[in-house]
Amino acid sequence: MSEIKLNAELRNEFGKGAARRIRRADQIPAVIYGHGEAPLHIVLPILQTLRAVRGANALLTVDVAGTEHLALVKDIQRDPVLQIIEHIDLLTVKKGEKVIVDIPVVVIGEPAPSVVANQEEMTISLSADATLLPKHVEVDLTGRIAGQHIYASDLVLPANVELLADPTLLIVHLQEPNAAADVEEEAAE
């Protein structure tokens, strides 16, 4: 995972009115916390920040008055209607430090003909080096037949990545199309 560098300014105004003024000035209020340090309240530029936080678990180098902070995006608060970013929480990390993150599960390949794949989990909880987080974990369905199940323990993880989820967690199950329709009918009833 590559680091993205952002320049930030210290923030000394707090509250709803101050946050609105910051957003009107095309900036995003944010906070950097972690490692027992006092929280650092900052303002980030909106366009660069939007590009930086597109993907899950973005690793940022935030320059605040000449001091660089390596941080992971921990939480993004969005307006429920307009979907604009209202606030970002950043977690300070160090190179070589293990962090716990939820990584997207991506299904690739086609199962055997007339087999339906149902993905039960969209993300999986892992522990990995903060600077070497995988973008996603792939599940290959190529040639799989109905009745097969793929569990968390079946996932192929990159080196130095540890599974934190329950190994018996069902990720994908495969079934016949008629069985899939029956399950949907039962759920509708």
N, C-alpha and C. Protein backbone atom coordinates (compact mmCIF):
# COMPACT_ATOMS: atom_id res chain seq x y z
N MET A 1 0.85 -1.17 0.00
CA MET A 1 0.00 0.00 0.00
C MET A 1 0.89 1.23 0.00
N SER A 2 0.61 2.16 -0.87
CA SER A 2 1.42 3.36 -0.95
C SER A 2 0.87 4.44 -0.03
N GLU A 3 1.79 5.24 0.48
CA GLU A 3 1.39 6.34 1.34
C GLU A 3 1.02 7.54 0.47
N ILE A 4 0.02 8.27 0.92
CA ILE A 4 -0.42 9.48 0.23
C ILE A 4 -0.12 10.64 1.16
N LYS A 5 0.52 11.68 0.63
CA LYS A 5 0.91 12.81 1.46
C LYS A 5 -0.12 13.93 1.35
N LEU A 6 -0.54 14.43 2.52
CA LEU A 6 -1.47 15.55 2.58
C LEU A 6 -0.89 16.63 3.48
N ASN A 7 -1.08 17.88 3.10
CA ASN A 7 -0.69 19.00 3.94
C ASN A 7 -1.91 19.44 4.74
N ALA A 8 -1.73 19.62 6.04
CA ALA A 8 -2.84 19.99 6.91
C ALA A 8 -2.48 21.22 7.71
N GLU A 9 -3.50 21.88 8.24
CA GLU A 9 -3.32 23.03 9.11
C GLU A 9 -3.93 22.69 10.47
N LEU A 10 -3.35 23.26 11.53
CA LEU A 10 -3.91 23.08 12.86
C LEU A 10 -5.26 23.79 12.93
N ARG A 11 -6.15 23.22 13.70
CA ARG A 11 -7.49 23.78 13.86
C ARG A 11 -7.64 24.25 15.30
N ASN A 12 -8.11 25.49 15.49
CA ASN A 12 -8.30 25.98 16.85
C ASN A 12 -9.75 26.36 17.12
N GLU A 13 -10.62 26.21 16.13
CA GLU A 13 -12.05 26.45 16.31
C GLU A 13 -12.76 25.10 16.37
N PHE A 14 -13.72 24.99 17.27
CA PHE A 14 -14.45 23.73 17.43
C PHE A 14 -15.94 24.01 17.46
N GLY A 15 -16.73 22.98 17.27
CA GLY A 15 -18.18 23.12 17.32
C GLY A 15 -18.79 23.07 15.94
N LYS A 16 -20.12 23.05 15.93
CA LYS A 16 -20.88 22.92 14.70
C LYS A 16 -20.66 24.10 13.76
N GLY A 17 -20.69 25.31 14.29
CA GLY A 17 -20.52 26.51 13.45
C GLY A 17 -19.14 26.55 12.82
N ALA A 18 -18.12 26.23 13.61
CA ALA A 18 -16.75 26.22 13.09
C ALA A 18 -16.59 25.16 12.00
N ALA A 19 -17.17 23.99 12.22
CA ALA A 19 -17.08 22.91 11.22
C ALA A 19 -17.76 23.32 9.92
N ARG A 20 -18.88 24.01 10.02
CA ARG A 20 -19.56 24.47 8.81
C ARG A 20 -18.71 25.49 8.05
N ARG A 21 -18.07 26.41 8.78
CA ARG A 21 -17.19 27.40 8.12
C ARG A 21 -16.03 26.70 7.42
N ILE A 22 -15.49 25.68 8.07
CA ILE A 22 -14.36 24.93 7.48
C ILE A 22 -14.81 24.25 6.19
N ARG A 23 -15.97 23.61 6.20
CA ARG A 23 -16.46 22.92 5.01
C ARG A 23 -16.81 23.90 3.88
N ARG A 24 -17.33 25.09 4.24
CA ARG A 24 -17.62 26.12 3.22
C ARG A 24 -16.33 26.61 2.55
N ALA A 25 -15.22 26.54 3.27
CA ALA A 25 -13.92 26.95 2.73
C ALA A 25 -13.24 25.80 1.98
N ASP A 26 -14.00 24.77 1.60
CA ASP A 26 -13.50 23.60 0.86
C ASP A 26 -12.39 22.87 1.62
N GLN A 27 -12.63 22.67 2.91
CA GLN A 27 -11.73 21.91 3.75
C GLN A 27 -12.54 20.93 4.59
N ILE A 28 -11.85 19.96 5.19
CA ILE A 28 -12.51 18.94 6.00
C ILE A 28 -11.90 18.95 7.40
N PRO A 29 -12.73 19.07 8.45
CA PRO A 29 -12.19 18.95 9.80
C PRO A 29 -11.80 17.50 10.08
N ALA A 30 -10.70 17.32 10.81
CA ALA A 30 -10.22 15.97 11.11
C ALA A 30 -9.50 15.97 12.45
N VAL A 31 -9.24 14.78 12.95
CA VAL A 31 -8.49 14.63 14.19
C VAL A 31 -7.53 13.45 14.02
N ILE A 32 -6.30 13.60 14.54
CA ILE A 32 -5.32 12.52 14.56
C ILE A 32 -5.15 12.11 16.01
N TYR A 33 -5.30 10.81 16.31
CA TYR A 33 -5.15 10.35 17.68
C TYR A 33 -4.43 9.01 17.70
N GLY A 34 -3.98 8.62 18.89
CA GLY A 34 -3.35 7.31 19.06
C GLY A 34 -2.02 7.38 19.75
N HIS A 35 -1.53 6.21 20.19
CA HIS A 35 -0.24 6.06 20.86
C HIS A 35 -0.13 6.90 22.13
N GLY A 36 -1.23 7.15 22.81
CA GLY A 36 -1.21 7.88 24.07
C GLY A 36 -0.95 9.37 23.93
N GLU A 37 -0.90 9.86 22.71
CA GLU A 37 -0.67 11.29 22.46
C GLU A 37 -2.00 12.05 22.57
N ALA A 38 -1.90 13.33 22.84
CA ALA A 38 -3.10 14.18 22.84
C ALA A 38 -3.64 14.27 21.43
N PRO A 39 -4.95 14.28 21.25
CA PRO A 39 -5.52 14.39 19.91
C PRO A 39 -5.07 15.68 19.23
N LEU A 40 -4.82 15.59 17.94
CA LEU A 40 -4.37 16.73 17.15
C LEU A 40 -5.50 17.09 16.19
N HIS A 41 -6.12 18.25 16.39
CA HIS A 41 -7.24 18.68 15.56
C HIS A 41 -6.70 19.46 14.37
N ILE A 42 -7.07 19.01 13.17
CA ILE A 42 -6.51 19.58 11.94
C ILE A 42 -7.60 19.86 10.92
N VAL A 43 -7.20 20.53 9.84
CA VAL A 43 -8.06 20.80 8.69
C VAL A 43 -7.34 20.26 7.46
N LEU A 44 -8.04 19.47 6.65
CA LEU A 44 -7.46 18.87 5.44
C LEU A 44 -8.06 19.49 4.18
N PRO A 45 -7.27 19.58 3.10
CA PRO A 45 -7.82 20.09 1.83
C PRO A 45 -8.79 19.07 1.24
N ILE A 46 -9.93 19.54 0.74
CA ILE A 46 -11.01 18.63 0.36
C ILE A 46 -10.67 17.76 -0.86
N LEU A 47 -10.16 18.33 -1.95
CA LEU A 47 -9.96 17.54 -3.17
C LEU A 47 -8.90 16.45 -2.98
N GLN A 48 -7.76 16.80 -2.41
CA GLN A 48 -6.70 15.81 -2.20
C GLN A 48 -7.17 14.73 -1.21
N THR A 49 -7.92 15.14 -0.21
CA THR A 49 -8.40 14.18 0.78
C THR A 49 -9.41 13.22 0.17
N LEU A 50 -10.31 13.73 -0.67
CA LEU A 50 -11.29 12.86 -1.33
C LEU A 50 -10.59 11.81 -2.19
N ARG A 51 -9.55 12.21 -2.90
CA ARG A 51 -8.79 11.24 -3.72
C ARG A 51 -8.09 10.22 -2.83
N ALA A 52 -7.57 10.69 -1.70
CA ALA A 52 -6.79 9.82 -0.81
C ALA A 52 -7.64 8.77 -0.11
N VAL A 53 -8.87 9.09 0.23
CA VAL A 53 -9.70 8.17 1.02
C VAL A 53 -10.68 7.37 0.19
N ARG A 54 -10.48 7.31 -1.13
CA ARG A 54 -11.36 6.52 -2.00
C ARG A 54 -11.38 5.05 -1.62
N GLY A 55 -10.21 4.49 -1.41
CA GLY A 55 -10.12 3.07 -1.10
C GLY A 55 -10.22 2.82 0.40
N ALA A 56 -10.45 1.58 0.76
CA ALA A 56 -10.52 1.21 2.17
C ALA A 56 -9.14 1.24 2.80
N ASN A 57 -9.08 1.61 4.06
CA ASN A 57 -7.84 1.59 4.86
C ASN A 57 -6.72 2.41 4.24
N ALA A 58 -7.02 3.65 3.87
CA ALA A 58 -6.02 4.53 3.26
C ALA A 58 -4.93 4.88 4.27
N LEU A 59 -3.68 4.78 3.83
CA LEU A 59 -2.52 5.14 4.66
C LEU A 59 -2.04 6.52 4.21
N LEU A 60 -2.05 7.48 5.14
CA LEU A 60 -1.73 8.86 4.81
C LEU A 60 -0.51 9.34 5.58
N THR A 61 0.29 10.19 4.95
CA THR A 61 1.33 10.94 5.64
C THR A 61 0.81 12.37 5.70
N VAL A 62 0.48 12.81 6.90
CA VAL A 62 -0.11 14.13 7.09
C VAL A 62 0.96 15.07 7.63
N ASP A 63 1.24 16.13 6.87
CA ASP A 63 2.23 17.13 7.27
C ASP A 63 1.50 18.27 7.97
N VAL A 64 1.76 18.42 9.29
CA VAL A 64 1.14 19.48 10.08
C VAL A 64 2.26 20.38 10.58
N ALA A 65 2.37 21.57 10.03
CA ALA A 65 3.38 22.56 10.42
C ALA A 65 4.79 21.97 10.42
N GLY A 66 5.11 21.20 9.38
CA GLY A 66 6.45 20.65 9.25
C GLY A 66 6.68 19.31 9.94
N THR A 67 5.72 18.83 10.71
CA THR A 67 5.82 17.54 11.39
C THR A 67 4.95 16.53 10.66
N GLU A 68 5.55 15.40 10.28
CA GLU A 68 4.80 14.38 9.55
C GLU A 68 4.23 13.35 10.50
N HIS A 69 2.98 12.97 10.23
CA HIS A 69 2.28 11.95 11.02
C HIS A 69 1.80 10.86 10.06
N LEU A 70 2.21 9.62 10.30
CA LEU A 70 1.74 8.48 9.52
C LEU A 70 0.43 8.02 10.15
N ALA A 71 -0.64 7.97 9.37
CA ALA A 71 -1.95 7.67 9.94
C ALA A 71 -2.81 6.85 8.98
N LEU A 72 -3.68 6.03 9.57
CA LEU A 72 -4.69 5.27 8.83
C LEU A 72 -6.04 5.94 9.02
N VAL A 73 -6.85 5.94 7.99
CA VAL A 73 -8.21 6.47 8.12
C VAL A 73 -9.01 5.45 8.94
N LYS A 74 -9.46 5.89 10.11
CA LYS A 74 -10.20 5.00 11.00
C LYS A 74 -11.71 5.13 10.79
N ASP A 75 -12.18 6.38 10.57
CA ASP A 75 -13.61 6.59 10.41
C ASP A 75 -13.86 7.85 9.58
N ILE A 76 -14.89 7.79 8.74
CA ILE A 76 -15.30 8.95 7.95
C ILE A 76 -16.78 9.18 8.22
N GLN A 77 -17.11 10.36 8.72
CA GLN A 77 -18.51 10.72 8.94
C GLN A 77 -19.00 11.48 7.71
N ARG A 78 -20.12 11.00 7.15
CA ARG A 78 -20.70 11.61 5.94
C ARG A 78 -22.11 12.09 6.24
N ASP A 79 -22.50 13.14 5.53
CA ASP A 79 -23.88 13.62 5.61
C ASP A 79 -24.76 12.52 5.01
N PRO A 80 -25.82 12.10 5.69
CA PRO A 80 -26.63 10.98 5.19
C PRO A 80 -27.36 11.27 3.89
N VAL A 81 -27.64 12.53 3.59
CA VAL A 81 -28.37 12.87 2.38
C VAL A 81 -27.42 13.28 1.26
N LEU A 82 -26.54 14.23 1.54
CA LEU A 82 -25.65 14.77 0.50
C LEU A 82 -24.40 13.93 0.28
N GLN A 83 -24.07 13.05 1.23
CA GLN A 83 -22.90 12.18 1.16
C GLN A 83 -21.58 12.95 1.13
N ILE A 84 -21.57 14.20 1.61
CA ILE A 84 -20.31 14.93 1.72
C ILE A 84 -19.61 14.51 3.01
N ILE A 85 -18.28 14.56 3.00
CA ILE A 85 -17.52 14.19 4.19
C ILE A 85 -17.62 15.33 5.20
N GLU A 86 -18.07 15.00 6.41
CA GLU A 86 -18.20 16.00 7.46
C GLU A 86 -17.01 16.00 8.41
N HIS A 87 -16.39 14.83 8.60
CA HIS A 87 -15.27 14.73 9.55
C HIS A 87 -14.52 13.43 9.29
N ILE A 88 -13.20 13.45 9.55
CA ILE A 88 -12.39 12.24 9.39
C ILE A 88 -11.59 12.00 10.66
N ASP A 89 -11.59 10.75 11.14
CA ASP A 89 -10.76 10.33 12.26
C ASP A 89 -9.57 9.56 11.71
N LEU A 90 -8.37 9.97 12.11
CA LEU A 90 -7.14 9.33 11.66
C LEU A 90 -6.44 8.71 12.86
N LEU A 91 -5.95 7.48 12.70
CA LEU A 91 -5.25 6.76 13.76
C LEU A 91 -3.76 6.76 13.46
N THR A 92 -2.96 7.29 14.40
CA THR A 92 -1.52 7.31 14.24
C THR A 92 -0.98 5.88 14.24
N VAL A 93 -0.10 5.58 13.31
CA VAL A 93 0.55 4.27 13.25
C VAL A 93 2.05 4.48 13.04
N LYS A 94 2.80 3.42 13.27
CA LYS A 94 4.25 3.45 13.04
C LYS A 94 4.59 2.35 12.06
N LYS A 95 5.66 2.55 11.30
CA LYS A 95 6.11 1.52 10.36
C LYS A 95 6.46 0.27 11.16
N GLY A 96 6.00 -0.88 10.68
CA GLY A 96 6.25 -2.15 11.35
C GLY A 96 5.21 -2.50 12.40
N GLU A 97 4.33 -1.58 12.72
CA GLU A 97 3.30 -1.82 13.73
C GLU A 97 2.15 -2.64 13.13
N LYS A 98 1.65 -3.61 13.87
CA LYS A 98 0.49 -4.40 13.43
C LYS A 98 -0.79 -3.66 13.79
N VAL A 99 -1.72 -3.61 12.84
CA VAL A 99 -3.01 -2.98 13.07
C VAL A 99 -4.11 -3.96 12.69
N ILE A 100 -5.28 -3.74 13.26
CA ILE A 100 -6.45 -4.57 12.97
C ILE A 100 -7.34 -3.79 12.01
N VAL A 101 -7.64 -4.37 10.85
CA VAL A 101 -8.45 -3.71 9.83
C VAL A 101 -9.44 -4.70 9.22
N ASP A 102 -10.49 -4.15 8.62
CA ASP A 102 -11.43 -4.96 7.85
C ASP A 102 -11.09 -4.77 6.38
N ILE A 103 -10.76 -5.87 5.71
CA ILE A 103 -10.33 -5.85 4.31
C ILE A 103 -11.47 -6.39 3.44
N PRO A 104 -11.75 -5.75 2.30
CA PRO A 104 -12.80 -6.24 1.40
C PRO A 104 -12.49 -7.64 0.84
N VAL A 105 -13.53 -8.45 0.70
CA VAL A 105 -13.41 -9.78 0.09
C VAL A 105 -13.94 -9.65 -1.34
N VAL A 106 -13.12 -10.03 -2.32
CA VAL A 106 -13.48 -9.91 -3.74
C VAL A 106 -13.59 -11.32 -4.33
N VAL A 107 -14.73 -11.58 -4.96
CA VAL A 107 -14.98 -12.88 -5.59
C VAL A 107 -14.54 -12.79 -7.05
N ILE A 108 -13.70 -13.75 -7.48
CA ILE A 108 -13.25 -13.79 -8.87
C ILE A 108 -13.58 -15.16 -9.46
N GLY A 109 -13.57 -15.26 -10.77
CA GLY A 109 -13.80 -16.54 -11.44
C GLY A 109 -15.27 -16.89 -11.50
N GLU A 110 -15.58 -17.86 -12.34
CA GLU A 110 -16.95 -18.32 -12.53
C GLU A 110 -17.08 -19.74 -12.00
N PRO A 111 -18.13 -20.02 -11.22
CA PRO A 111 -18.34 -21.39 -10.77
C PRO A 111 -18.82 -22.26 -11.94
N ALA A 112 -19.01 -23.53 -11.68
CA ALA A 112 -19.49 -24.46 -12.72
C ALA A 112 -20.82 -23.94 -13.27
N PRO A 113 -21.17 -24.35 -14.51
CA PRO A 113 -22.43 -23.90 -15.10
C PRO A 113 -23.62 -24.26 -14.20
N SER A 114 -24.61 -23.40 -14.21
CA SER A 114 -25.85 -23.52 -13.43
C SER A 114 -25.60 -23.60 -11.92
N VAL A 115 -24.61 -22.87 -11.44
CA VAL A 115 -24.34 -22.77 -10.01
C VAL A 115 -24.39 -21.29 -9.62
N VAL A 116 -25.07 -21.01 -8.51
CA VAL A 116 -25.20 -19.64 -8.01
C VAL A 116 -24.31 -19.48 -6.79
N ALA A 117 -23.51 -18.42 -6.79
CA ALA A 117 -22.63 -18.12 -5.65
C ALA A 117 -23.25 -17.02 -4.81
N ASN A 118 -23.34 -17.24 -3.51
CA ASN A 118 -23.86 -16.24 -2.58
C ASN A 118 -22.75 -15.82 -1.65
N GLN A 119 -22.36 -14.54 -1.75
CA GLN A 119 -21.30 -14.02 -0.88
C GLN A 119 -21.94 -13.54 0.42
N GLU A 120 -21.55 -14.17 1.52
CA GLU A 120 -22.14 -13.87 2.83
C GLU A 120 -21.40 -12.74 3.56
N GLU A 121 -20.10 -12.64 3.37
CA GLU A 121 -19.29 -11.61 4.04
C GLU A 121 -18.60 -10.75 3.00
N MET A 122 -18.72 -9.44 3.14
CA MET A 122 -18.10 -8.50 2.21
C MET A 122 -16.71 -8.06 2.69
N THR A 123 -16.45 -8.17 3.99
CA THR A 123 -15.14 -7.81 4.55
C THR A 123 -14.72 -8.90 5.53
N ILE A 124 -13.42 -8.94 5.80
CA ILE A 124 -12.87 -9.90 6.75
C ILE A 124 -11.88 -9.18 7.65
N SER A 125 -11.89 -9.49 8.93
CA SER A 125 -11.02 -8.83 9.90
C SER A 125 -9.65 -9.50 9.93
N LEU A 126 -8.61 -8.67 9.72
CA LEU A 126 -7.24 -9.17 9.65
C LEU A 126 -6.31 -8.31 10.51
N SER A 127 -5.15 -8.87 10.85
CA SER A 127 -4.09 -8.12 11.51
C SER A 127 -2.91 -8.12 10.54
N ALA A 128 -2.37 -6.92 10.27
CA ALA A 128 -1.28 -6.80 9.30
C ALA A 128 -0.42 -5.59 9.63
N ASP A 129 0.76 -5.55 9.03
CA ASP A 129 1.65 -4.40 9.18
C ASP A 129 0.94 -3.17 8.60
N ALA A 130 0.98 -2.06 9.32
CA ALA A 130 0.26 -0.85 8.91
C ALA A 130 0.68 -0.34 7.53
N THR A 131 1.91 -0.58 7.14
CA THR A 131 2.37 -0.08 5.85
C THR A 131 2.26 -1.12 4.73
N LEU A 132 1.82 -2.33 5.06
CA LEU A 132 1.71 -3.40 4.06
C LEU A 132 0.31 -4.01 4.02
N LEU A 133 -0.71 -3.20 4.18
CA LEU A 133 -2.08 -3.71 4.18
C LEU A 133 -2.51 -4.15 2.79
N PRO A 134 -3.11 -5.33 2.68
CA PRO A 134 -3.62 -5.74 1.36
C PRO A 134 -4.85 -4.91 0.98
N LYS A 135 -5.03 -4.65 -0.31
CA LYS A 135 -6.19 -3.88 -0.75
C LYS A 135 -7.47 -4.71 -0.63
N HIS A 136 -7.33 -6.03 -0.87
CA HIS A 136 -8.47 -6.93 -0.78
C HIS A 136 -7.96 -8.37 -0.66
N VAL A 137 -8.86 -9.27 -0.34
CA VAL A 137 -8.57 -10.70 -0.32
C VAL A 137 -9.46 -11.34 -1.37
N GLU A 138 -8.86 -12.15 -2.26
CA GLU A 138 -9.62 -12.76 -3.35
C GLU A 138 -10.09 -14.17 -2.99
N VAL A 139 -11.29 -14.48 -3.48
CA VAL A 139 -11.85 -15.83 -3.38
C VAL A 139 -12.09 -16.29 -4.81
N ASP A 140 -11.41 -17.37 -5.22
CA ASP A 140 -11.54 -17.87 -6.58
C ASP A 140 -12.62 -18.95 -6.64
N LEU A 141 -13.63 -18.71 -7.46
CA LEU A 141 -14.75 -19.65 -7.59
C LEU A 141 -14.64 -20.52 -8.84
N THR A 142 -13.58 -20.41 -9.59
CA THR A 142 -13.44 -21.10 -10.86
C THR A 142 -13.70 -22.60 -10.72
N GLY A 143 -14.73 -23.05 -11.44
CA GLY A 143 -15.05 -24.48 -11.50
C GLY A 143 -15.70 -25.07 -10.26
N ARG A 144 -16.01 -24.30 -9.27
CA ARG A 144 -16.62 -24.85 -8.05
C ARG A 144 -18.05 -25.30 -8.33
N ILE A 145 -18.45 -26.35 -7.60
CA ILE A 145 -19.77 -26.95 -7.84
C ILE A 145 -20.72 -26.61 -6.70
N ALA A 146 -22.01 -26.85 -6.94
CA ALA A 146 -23.03 -26.59 -5.94
C ALA A 146 -22.78 -27.43 -4.69
N GLY A 147 -23.08 -26.83 -3.54
CA GLY A 147 -22.90 -27.52 -2.27
C GLY A 147 -21.57 -27.21 -1.59
N GLN A 148 -20.67 -26.57 -2.30
CA GLN A 148 -19.38 -26.21 -1.69
C GLN A 148 -19.53 -24.93 -0.87
N HIS A 149 -18.70 -24.83 0.16
CA HIS A 149 -18.68 -23.65 1.02
C HIS A 149 -17.23 -23.17 1.13
N ILE A 150 -17.07 -21.87 1.20
CA ILE A 150 -15.74 -21.29 1.42
C ILE A 150 -15.81 -20.55 2.75
N TYR A 151 -14.95 -20.97 3.66
CA TYR A 151 -14.91 -20.40 5.00
C TYR A 151 -13.71 -19.46 5.14
N ALA A 152 -13.68 -18.69 6.21
CA ALA A 152 -12.58 -17.75 6.45
C ALA A 152 -11.24 -18.49 6.49
N SER A 153 -11.23 -19.70 7.01
CA SER A 153 -9.98 -20.47 7.07
C SER A 153 -9.49 -20.90 5.69
N ASP A 154 -10.35 -20.87 4.67
CA ASP A 154 -9.97 -21.24 3.31
C ASP A 154 -9.34 -20.09 2.52
N LEU A 155 -9.41 -18.88 3.05
CA LEU A 155 -8.87 -17.73 2.33
C LEU A 155 -7.36 -17.80 2.23
N VAL A 156 -6.82 -17.40 1.08
CA VAL A 156 -5.38 -17.35 0.88
C VAL A 156 -4.94 -15.92 1.23
N LEU A 157 -4.22 -15.79 2.34
CA LEU A 157 -3.79 -14.48 2.82
C LEU A 157 -2.35 -14.20 2.43
N PRO A 158 -2.02 -12.94 2.21
CA PRO A 158 -0.62 -12.58 1.92
C PRO A 158 0.28 -12.90 3.11
N ALA A 159 1.58 -12.91 2.87
CA ALA A 159 2.55 -13.17 3.94
C ALA A 159 2.42 -12.11 5.03
N ASN A 160 2.65 -12.51 6.27
CA ASN A 160 2.62 -11.63 7.45
C ASN A 160 1.25 -11.02 7.72
N VAL A 161 0.19 -11.66 7.25
CA VAL A 161 -1.17 -11.22 7.53
C VAL A 161 -1.85 -12.34 8.31
N GLU A 162 -2.50 -11.97 9.41
CA GLU A 162 -3.12 -12.95 10.29
C GLU A 162 -4.64 -12.78 10.28
N LEU A 163 -5.35 -13.90 10.18
CA LEU A 163 -6.81 -13.90 10.21
C LEU A 163 -7.28 -13.70 11.64
N LEU A 164 -8.15 -12.72 11.87
CA LEU A 164 -8.70 -12.48 13.21
C LEU A 164 -10.14 -12.95 13.32
N ALA A 165 -10.82 -13.10 12.20
CA ALA A 165 -12.20 -13.56 12.20
C ALA A 165 -12.25 -15.04 12.57
N ASP A 166 -13.42 -15.48 12.96
CA ASP A 166 -13.64 -16.89 13.28
C ASP A 166 -13.34 -17.73 12.03
N PRO A 167 -12.46 -18.74 12.14
CA PRO A 167 -12.11 -19.56 10.97
C PRO A 167 -13.31 -20.27 10.33
N THR A 168 -14.40 -20.47 11.10
CA THR A 168 -15.58 -21.15 10.56
C THR A 168 -16.59 -20.17 9.97
N LEU A 169 -16.24 -18.89 9.87
CA LEU A 169 -17.12 -17.88 9.29
C LEU A 169 -17.33 -18.18 7.81
N LEU A 170 -18.60 -18.30 7.39
CA LEU A 170 -18.94 -18.60 6.00
C LEU A 170 -18.77 -17.36 5.14
N ILE A 171 -17.94 -17.47 4.11
CA ILE A 171 -17.67 -16.34 3.21
C ILE A 171 -18.54 -16.45 1.96
N VAL A 172 -18.52 -17.61 1.30
CA VAL A 172 -19.30 -17.84 0.08
C VAL A 172 -19.86 -19.25 0.12
N HIS A 173 -21.12 -19.42 -0.27
CA HIS A 173 -21.63 -20.77 -0.49
C HIS A 173 -22.23 -20.85 -1.88
N LEU A 174 -22.13 -22.04 -2.45
CA LEU A 174 -22.58 -22.26 -3.82
C LEU A 174 -23.76 -23.22 -3.81
N GLN A 175 -24.75 -22.94 -4.67
CA GLN A 175 -25.94 -23.78 -4.71
C GLN A 175 -26.57 -23.77 -6.09
N GLU A 176 -27.50 -24.68 -6.28
CA GLU A 176 -28.25 -24.76 -7.54
C GLU A 176 -29.19 -23.56 -7.63
N PRO A 177 -29.49 -23.07 -8.84
CA PRO A 177 -30.39 -21.92 -8.99
C PRO A 177 -31.76 -22.15 -8.39
N ASN A 178 -32.33 -23.35 -8.52
CA ASN A 178 -33.66 -23.63 -7.96
C ASN A 178 -33.64 -23.52 -6.45
N ALA A 179 -32.58 -23.97 -5.83
CA ALA A 179 -32.46 -23.88 -4.38
C ALA A 179 -32.36 -22.42 -3.97
N ALA A 180 -31.71 -21.60 -4.78
CA ALA A 180 -31.58 -20.17 -4.48
C ALA A 180 -32.95 -19.50 -4.53
N ALA A 181 -33.78 -19.87 -5.52
CA ALA A 181 -35.12 -19.30 -5.63
C ALA A 181 -35.98 -19.72 -4.44
N ASP A 182 -35.85 -20.98 -3.99
CA ASP A 182 -36.61 -21.45 -2.83
C ASP A 182 -36.24 -20.67 -1.58
N VAL A 183 -34.95 -20.39 -1.39
CA VAL A 183 -34.50 -19.63 -0.23
C VAL A 183 -35.07 -18.22 -0.26
N GLU A 184 -35.10 -17.61 -1.46
CA GLU A 184 -35.65 -16.26 -1.59
C GLU A 184 -37.14 -16.25 -1.30
N GLU A 185 -37.87 -17.28 -1.76
CA GLU A 185 -39.31 -17.35 -1.50
C GLU A 185 -39.58 -17.50 -0.02
N GLU A 186 -38.80 -18.35 0.67
CA GLU A 186 -38.97 -18.53 2.11
C GLU A 186 -38.69 -17.23 2.86
N ALA A 187 -37.69 -16.50 2.42
CA ALA A 187 -37.35 -15.23 3.06
C ALA A 187 -38.45 -14.21 2.85
N ALA A 188 -39.08 -14.22 1.68
CA ALA A 188 -40.18 -13.28 1.39
C ALA A 188 -41.42 -13.58 2.24
N GLU A 189 -41.66 -14.87 2.52
CA GLU A 189 -42.82 -15.25 3.33
C GLU A 189 -42.58 -14.85 4.75
